Amino acid sequence: MASQAKLDLVHQADLGNKGLVVSNLNDGDIVGHLMIGKANLVWFEKNEKKFGRKVTWEEFRVWILQKSRVKATRP
């Protein structure tokens, strides 16, 4: 199972009202889309366009801090 996410990189950009969308692919098939905005993150399943699962940045921070720490290099 090869999982893949693609993002066109920019050094710095204002997210504006639409934000940034990261599409997640698995073996070439779309798994879903993560919309990253100023106030929250929204996950959309593969074919969903109107209904997603929203989490605020504070909710994300609390959730992610519950995860184990791993050695990684910060960009």
PDB file of N, CA and C in Angstrom:
ATOM      1  N   MET A   1       0.840  -1.167   0.000  1.00  0.00           N
ATOM      2  CA  MET A   1       0.000   0.000   0.000  1.00  0.00           C
ATOM      3  C   MET A   1       0.892   1.239   0.000  1.00  0.00           C
ATOM      4  N   ALA A   2       0.962   1.928  -1.113  1.00  0.00           N
ATOM      5  CA  ALA A   2       1.784   3.124  -1.223  1.00  0.00           C
ATOM      6  C   ALA A   2       0.926   4.355  -1.015  1.00  0.00           C
ATOM      7  N   SER A   3       1.178   5.080   0.054  1.00  0.00           N
ATOM      8  CA  SER A   3       0.427   6.294   0.338  1.00  0.00           C
ATOM      9  C   SER A   3       1.235   7.481  -0.150  1.00  0.00           C
ATOM     10  N   GLN A   4       0.543   8.514  -0.611  1.00  0.00           N
ATOM     11  CA  GLN A   4       1.237   9.637  -1.220  1.00  0.00           C
ATOM     12  C   GLN A   4       0.434  10.897  -0.972  1.00  0.00           C
ATOM     13  N   ALA A   5       1.117  11.996  -0.733  1.00  0.00           N
ATOM     14  CA  ALA A   5       0.488  13.309  -0.644  1.00  0.00           C
ATOM     15  C   ALA A   5       1.322  14.250  -1.485  1.00  0.00           C
ATOM     16  N   LYS A   6       0.683  15.114  -2.246  1.00  0.00           N
ATOM     17  CA  LYS A   6       1.403  16.045  -3.110  1.00  0.00           C
ATOM     18  C   LYS A   6       1.064  17.472  -2.721  1.00  0.00           C
ATOM     19  N   LEU A   7       2.076  18.317  -2.786  1.00  0.00           N
ATOM     20  CA  LEU A   7       1.900  19.721  -2.457  1.00  0.00           C
ATOM     21  C   LEU A   7       2.892  20.520  -3.278  1.00  0.00           C
ATOM     22  N   ASP A   8       2.404  21.532  -3.971  1.00  0.00           N
ATOM     23  CA  ASP A   8       3.298  22.451  -4.651  1.00  0.00           C
ATOM     24  C   ASP A   8       3.825  23.408  -3.595  1.00  0.00           C
ATOM     25  N   LEU A   9       5.131  23.478  -3.451  1.00  0.00           N
ATOM     26  CA  LEU A   9       5.733  24.244  -2.375  1.00  0.00           C
ATOM     27  C   LEU A   9       5.926  25.713  -2.742  1.00  0.00           C
ATOM     28  N   VAL A  10       5.673  26.564  -1.761  1.00  0.00           N
ATOM     29  CA  VAL A  10       5.986  27.983  -1.853  1.00  0.00           C
ATOM     30  C   VAL A  10       6.659  28.355  -0.538  1.00  0.00           C
ATOM     31  N   HIS A  11       7.487  29.360  -0.564  1.00  0.00           N
ATOM     32  CA  HIS A  11       8.197  29.733   0.661  1.00  0.00           C
ATOM     33  C   HIS A  11       7.256  30.347   1.688  1.00  0.00           C
ATOM     34  N   GLN A  12       6.392  31.229   1.259  1.00  0.00           N
ATOM     35  CA  GLN A  12       5.432  31.843   2.173  1.00  0.00           C
ATOM     36  C   GLN A  12       4.256  32.332   1.352  1.00  0.00           C
ATOM     37  N   ALA A  13       3.054  32.070   1.863  1.00  0.00           N
ATOM     38  CA  ALA A  13       1.859  32.502   1.149  1.00  0.00           C
ATOM     39  C   ALA A  13       0.753  32.781   2.142  1.00  0.00           C
ATOM     40  N   ASP A  14      -0.055  33.790   1.871  1.00  0.00           N
ATOM     41  CA  ASP A  14      -1.241  34.040   2.680  1.00  0.00           C
ATOM     42  C   ASP A  14      -2.293  33.030   2.279  1.00  0.00           C
ATOM     43  N   LEU A  15      -2.926  32.402   3.271  1.00  0.00           N
ATOM     44  CA  LEU A  15      -3.927  31.395   2.967  1.00  0.00           C
ATOM     45  C   LEU A  15      -5.205  31.999   2.411  1.00  0.00           C
ATOM     46  N   GLY A  16      -5.493  33.232   2.759  1.00  0.00           N
ATOM     47  CA  GLY A  16      -6.713  33.861   2.257  1.00  0.00           C
ATOM     48  C   GLY A  16      -7.951  33.150   2.753  1.00  0.00           C
ATOM     49  N   ASN A  17      -9.061  33.322   2.076  1.00  0.00           N
ATOM     50  CA  ASN A  17     -10.325  32.727   2.511  1.00  0.00           C
ATOM     51  C   ASN A  17     -10.426  31.251   2.150  1.00  0.00           C
ATOM     52  N   LYS A  18      -9.844  30.827   1.048  1.00  0.00           N
ATOM     53  CA  LYS A  18      -9.944  29.442   0.600  1.00  0.00           C
ATOM     54  C   LYS A  18      -8.965  28.526   1.304  1.00  0.00           C
ATOM     55  N   GLY A  19      -7.806  29.008   1.674  1.00  0.00           N
ATOM     56  CA  GLY A  19      -6.816  28.177   2.324  1.00  0.00           C
ATOM     57  C   GLY A  19      -6.001  27.366   1.336  1.00  0.00           C
ATOM     58  N   LEU A  20      -5.491  26.259   1.827  1.00  0.00           N
ATOM     59  CA  LEU A  20      -4.617  25.383   1.070  1.00  0.00           C
ATOM     60  C   LEU A  20      -5.230  23.994   1.092  1.00  0.00           C
ATOM     61  N   VAL A  21      -5.194  23.286  -0.027  1.00  0.00           N
ATOM     62  CA  VAL A  21      -5.769  21.941  -0.084  1.00  0.00           C
ATOM     63  C   VAL A  21      -4.657  20.944  -0.398  1.00  0.00           C
ATOM     64  N   VAL A  22      -4.535  19.919   0.450  1.00  0.00           N
ATOM     65  CA  VAL A  22      -3.577  18.837   0.239  1.00  0.00           C
ATOM     66  C   VAL A  22      -4.385  17.589  -0.093  1.00  0.00           C
ATOM     67  N   SER A  23      -4.128  17.006  -1.248  1.00  0.00           N
ATOM     68  CA  SER A  23      -4.818  15.781  -1.659  1.00  0.00           C
ATOM     69  C   SER A  23      -3.975  14.585  -1.262  1.00  0.00           C
ATOM     70  N   ASN A  24      -4.607  13.600  -0.628  1.00  0.00           N
ATOM     71  CA  ASN A  24      -3.923  12.386  -0.191  1.00  0.00           C
ATOM     72  C   ASN A  24      -4.276  11.259  -1.142  1.00  0.00           C
ATOM     73  N   LEU A  25      -3.237  10.612  -1.707  1.00  0.00           N
ATOM     74  CA  LEU A  25      -3.444   9.524  -2.665  1.00  0.00           C
ATOM     75  C   LEU A  25      -2.865   8.221  -2.127  1.00  0.00           C
ATOM     76  N   ASN A  26      -3.474   7.113  -2.496  1.00  0.00           N
ATOM     77  CA  ASN A  26      -3.000   5.787  -2.137  1.00  0.00           C
ATOM     78  C   ASN A  26      -3.001   4.953  -3.406  1.00  0.00           C
ATOM     79  N   ASP A  27      -1.822   4.549  -3.873  1.00  0.00           N
ATOM     80  CA  ASP A  27      -1.675   3.819  -5.131  1.00  0.00           C
ATOM     81  C   ASP A  27      -2.341   4.543  -6.297  1.00  0.00           C
ATOM     82  N   GLY A  28      -2.230   5.866  -6.313  1.00  0.00           N
ATOM     83  CA  GLY A  28      -2.782   6.664  -7.401  1.00  0.00           C
ATOM     84  C   GLY A  28      -4.241   7.037  -7.251  1.00  0.00           C
ATOM     85  N   ASP A  29      -4.941   6.446  -6.274  1.00  0.00           N
ATOM     86  CA  ASP A  29      -6.356   6.775  -6.031  1.00  0.00           C
ATOM     87  C   ASP A  29      -6.466   7.803  -4.915  1.00  0.00           C
ATOM     88  N   ILE A  30      -7.353   8.752  -5.088  1.00  0.00           N
ATOM     89  CA  ILE A  30      -7.555   9.775  -4.065  1.00  0.00           C
ATOM     90  C   ILE A  30      -8.236   9.161  -2.850  1.00  0.00           C
ATOM     91  N   VAL A  31      -7.634   9.392  -1.668  1.00  0.00           N
ATOM     92  CA  VAL A  31      -8.215   8.954  -0.396  1.00  0.00           C
ATOM     93  C   VAL A  31      -9.097  10.073   0.147  1.00  0.00           C
ATOM     94  N   GLY A  32      -8.607  11.310   0.046  1.00  0.00           N
ATOM     95  CA  GLY A  32      -9.354  12.452   0.531  1.00  0.00           C
ATOM     96  C   GLY A  32      -8.547  13.723   0.358  1.00  0.00           C
ATOM     97  N   HIS A  33      -9.122  14.813   0.852  1.00  0.00           N
ATOM     98  CA  HIS A  33      -8.497  16.130   0.730  1.00  0.00           C
ATOM     99  C   HIS A  33      -8.508  16.805   2.101  1.00  0.00           C
ATOM    100  N   LEU A  34      -7.387  17.408   2.472  1.00  0.00           N
ATOM    101  CA  LEU A  34      -7.289  18.166   3.708  1.00  0.00           C
ATOM    102  C   LEU A  34      -7.224  19.642   3.338  1.00  0.00           C
ATOM    103  N   MET A  35      -8.219  20.409   3.770  1.00  0.00           N
ATOM    104  CA  MET A  35      -8.243  21.843   3.521  1.00  0.00           C
ATOM    105  C   MET A  35      -7.705  22.541   4.772  1.00  0.00           C
ATOM    106  N   ILE A  36      -6.647  23.306   4.592  1.00  0.00           N
ATOM    107  CA  ILE A  36      -5.981  23.981   5.701  1.00  0.00           C
ATOM    108  C   ILE A  36      -6.291  25.463   5.600  1.00  0.00           C
ATOM    109  N   GLY A  37      -6.950  25.998   6.611  1.00  0.00           N
ATOM    110  CA  GLY A  37      -7.334  27.400   6.606  1.00  0.00           C
ATOM    111  C   GLY A  37      -6.772  28.157   7.794  1.00  0.00           C
ATOM    112  N   LYS A  38      -7.101  29.422   7.882  1.00  0.00           N
ATOM    113  CA  LYS A  38      -6.617  30.265   8.970  1.00  0.00           C
ATOM    114  C   LYS A  38      -7.173  29.821  10.314  1.00  0.00           C
ATOM    115  N   ALA A  39      -8.428  29.394  10.361  1.00  0.00           N
ATOM    116  CA  ALA A  39      -9.083  29.080  11.629  1.00  0.00           C
ATOM    117  C   ALA A  39      -9.211  27.591  11.917  1.00  0.00           C
ATOM    118  N   ASN A  40      -9.162  26.749  10.875  1.00  0.00           N
ATOM    119  CA  ASN A  40      -9.383  25.326  11.108  1.00  0.00           C
ATOM    120  C   ASN A  40      -8.852  24.468   9.966  1.00  0.00           C
ATOM    121  N   LEU A  41      -8.973  23.155  10.172  1.00  0.00           N
ATOM    122  CA  LEU A  41      -8.641  22.158   9.155  1.00  0.00           C
ATOM    123  C   LEU A  41      -9.925  21.386   8.870  1.00  0.00           C
ATOM    124  N   VAL A  42     -10.138  21.024   7.606  1.00  0.00           N
ATOM    125  CA  VAL A  42     -11.328  20.260   7.238  1.00  0.00           C
ATOM    126  C   VAL A  42     -10.896  19.082   6.369  1.00  0.00           C
ATOM    127  N   TRP A  43     -11.313  17.864   6.738  1.00  0.00           N
ATOM    128  CA  TRP A  43     -11.018  16.650   5.972  1.00  0.00           C
ATOM    129  C   TRP A  43     -12.233  16.282   5.138  1.00  0.00           C
ATOM    130  N   PHE A  44     -12.036  16.112   3.831  1.00  0.00           N
ATOM    131  CA  PHE A  44     -13.089  15.688   2.920  1.00  0.00           C
ATOM    132  C   PHE A  44     -12.752  14.302   2.395  1.00  0.00           C
ATOM    133  N   GLU A  45     -13.677  13.364   2.493  1.00  0.00           N
ATOM    134  CA  GLU A  45     -13.471  12.033   1.926  1.00  0.00           C
ATOM    135  C   GLU A  45     -13.384  12.147   0.413  1.00  0.00           C
ATOM    136  N   LYS A  46     -12.993  11.070  -0.238  1.00  0.00           N
ATOM    137  CA  LYS A  46     -12.683  11.006  -1.663  1.00  0.00           C
ATOM    138  C   LYS A  46     -13.627  11.801  -2.572  1.00  0.00           C
ATOM    139  N   ASN A  47     -14.907  11.542  -2.546  1.00  0.00           N
ATOM    140  CA  ASN A  47     -15.839  12.177  -3.485  1.00  0.00           C
ATOM    141  C   ASN A  47     -16.725  13.243  -2.840  1.00  0.00           C
ATOM    142  N   GLU A  48     -16.454  13.571  -1.594  1.00  0.00           N
ATOM    143  CA  GLU A  48     -17.284  14.530  -0.876  1.00  0.00           C
ATOM    144  C   GLU A  48     -16.884  15.958  -1.237  1.00  0.00           C
ATOM    145  N   LYS A  49     -17.866  16.813  -1.470  1.00  0.00           N
ATOM    146  CA  LYS A  49     -17.575  18.200  -1.809  1.00  0.00           C
ATOM    147  C   LYS A  49     -18.235  19.189  -0.856  1.00  0.00           C
ATOM    148  N   LYS A  50     -19.324  18.794  -0.215  1.00  0.00           N
ATOM    149  CA  LYS A  50     -20.055  19.737   0.625  1.00  0.00           C
ATOM    150  C   LYS A  50     -19.948  19.469   2.114  1.00  0.00           C
ATOM    151  N   PHE A  51     -19.638  18.240   2.501  1.00  0.00           N
ATOM    152  CA  PHE A  51     -19.584  17.903   3.916  1.00  0.00           C
ATOM    153  C   PHE A  51     -18.226  17.333   4.271  1.00  0.00           C
ATOM    154  N   GLY A  52     -17.578  17.959   5.250  1.00  0.00           N
ATOM    155  CA  GLY A  52     -16.281  17.497   5.706  1.00  0.00           C
ATOM    156  C   GLY A  52     -16.270  17.404   7.220  1.00  0.00           C
ATOM    157  N   ARG A  53     -15.142  17.005   7.760  1.00  0.00           N
ATOM    158  CA  ARG A  53     -14.977  16.911   9.213  1.00  0.00           C
ATOM    159  C   ARG A  53     -14.020  18.022   9.627  1.00  0.00           C
ATOM    160  N   LYS A  54     -14.539  18.972  10.421  1.00  0.00           N
ATOM    161  CA  LYS A  54     -13.782  20.172  10.767  1.00  0.00           C
ATOM    162  C   LYS A  54     -13.224  20.083  12.185  1.00  0.00           C
ATOM    163  N   VAL A  55     -12.000  20.576  12.340  1.00  0.00           N
ATOM    164  CA  VAL A  55     -11.355  20.664  13.639  1.00  0.00           C
ATOM    165  C   VAL A  55     -10.622  22.012  13.697  1.00  0.00           C
ATOM    166  N   THR A  56     -10.719  22.676  14.840  1.00  0.00           N
ATOM    167  CA  THR A  56     -10.015  23.953  14.991  1.00  0.00           C
ATOM    168  C   THR A  56      -8.533  23.677  15.222  1.00  0.00           C
ATOM    169  N   TRP A  57      -7.728  24.699  15.071  1.00  0.00           N
ATOM    170  CA  TRP A  57      -6.300  24.538  15.309  1.00  0.00           C
ATOM    171  C   TRP A  57      -6.042  24.165  16.765  1.00  0.00           C
ATOM    172  N   GLU A  58      -6.816  24.701  17.693  1.00  0.00           N
ATOM    173  CA  GLU A  58      -6.643  24.366  19.115  1.00  0.00           C
ATOM    174  C   GLU A  58      -7.001  22.904  19.363  1.00  0.00           C
ATOM    175  N   GLU A  59      -8.078  22.412  18.756  1.00  0.00           N
ATOM    176  CA  GLU A  59      -8.448  20.996  18.885  1.00  0.00           C
ATOM    177  C   GLU A  59      -7.362  20.102  18.284  1.00  0.00           C
ATOM    178  N   PHE A  60      -6.802  20.526  17.164  1.00  0.00           N
ATOM    179  CA  PHE A  60      -5.727  19.769  16.532  1.00  0.00           C
ATOM    180  C   PHE A  60      -4.502  19.728  17.434  1.00  0.00           C
ATOM    181  N   ARG A  61      -4.149  20.881  18.021  1.00  0.00           N
ATOM    182  CA  ARG A  61      -2.988  20.953  18.909  1.00  0.00           C
ATOM    183  C   ARG A  61      -3.151  20.015  20.098  1.00  0.00           C
ATOM    184  N   VAL A  62      -4.318  20.016  20.731  1.00  0.00           N
ATOM    185  CA  VAL A  62      -4.581  19.135  21.870  1.00  0.00           C
ATOM    186  C   VAL A  62      -4.471  17.673  21.439  1.00  0.00           C
ATOM    187  N   TRP A  63      -5.064  17.336  20.292  1.00  0.00           N
ATOM    188  CA  TRP A  63      -5.029  15.953  19.796  1.00  0.00           C
ATOM    189  C   TRP A  63      -3.607  15.507  19.482  1.00  0.00           C
ATOM    190  N   ILE A  64      -2.852  16.354  18.781  1.00  0.00           N
ATOM    191  CA  ILE A  64      -1.520  15.966  18.340  1.00  0.00           C
ATOM    192  C   ILE A  64      -0.560  15.842  19.514  1.00  0.00           C
ATOM    193  N   LEU A  65      -0.746  16.623  20.571  1.00  0.00           N
ATOM    194  CA  LEU A  65       0.123  16.541  21.741  1.00  0.00           C
ATOM    195  C   LEU A  65      -0.085  15.233  22.510  1.00  0.00           C
ATOM    196  N   GLN A  66      -1.154  14.517  22.243  1.00  0.00           N
ATOM    197  CA  GLN A  66      -1.392  13.217  22.866  1.00  0.00           C
ATOM    198  C   GLN A  66      -0.594  12.110  22.184  1.00  0.00           C
ATOM    199  N   LYS A  67      -0.080  12.372  21.012  1.00  0.00           N
ATOM    200  CA  LYS A  67       0.681  11.386  20.243  1.00  0.00           C
ATOM    201  C   LYS A  67       2.117  11.298  20.770  1.00  0.00           C
ATOM    202  N   SER A  68       2.747  10.157  20.533  1.00  0.00           N
ATOM    203  CA  SER A  68       4.132   9.966  20.947  1.00  0.00           C
ATOM    204  C   SER A  68       5.066  10.850  20.135  1.00  0.00           C
ATOM    205  N   ARG A  69       6.115  11.297  20.792  1.00  0.00           N
ATOM    206  CA  ARG A  69       7.130  12.098  20.103  1.00  0.00           C
ATOM    207  C   ARG A  69       8.049  11.173  19.324  1.00  0.00           C
ATOM    208  N   VAL A  70       8.458  11.606  18.135  1.00  0.00           N
ATOM    209  CA  VAL A  70       9.383  10.843  17.305  1.00  0.00           C
ATOM    210  C   VAL A  70      10.516  11.769  16.872  1.00  0.00           C
ATOM    211  N   LYS A  71      11.649  11.186  16.557  1.00  0.00           N
ATOM    212  CA  LYS A  71      12.768  11.976  16.056  1.00  0.00           C
ATOM    213  C   LYS A  71      12.485  12.361  14.605  1.00  0.00           C
ATOM    214  N   ALA A  72      12.530  13.643  14.307  1.00  0.00           N
ATOM    215  CA  ALA A  72      12.249  14.136  12.963  1.00  0.00           C
ATOM    216  C   ALA A  72      12.982  15.460  12.773  1.00  0.00           C
ATOM    217  N   THR A  73      13.156  15.846  11.526  1.00  0.00           N
ATOM    218  CA  THR A  73      13.806  17.124  11.216  1.00  0.00           C
ATOM    219  C   THR A  73      12.741  18.121  10.825  1.00  0.00           C
ATOM    220  N   ARG A  74      12.706  19.232  11.511  1.00  0.00           N
ATOM    221  CA  ARG A  74      11.733  20.281  11.217  1.00  0.00           C
ATOM    222  C   ARG A  74      12.143  21.036   9.961  1.00  0.00           C
ATOM    223  N   PRO A  75      11.178  21.309   9.073  1.00  0.00           N
ATOM    224  CA  PRO A  75      11.516  22.055   7.837  1.00  0.00           C
ATOM    225  C   PRO A  75      11.916  23.478   8.146  1.00  0.00           C
TER     226      PRO A  75
END
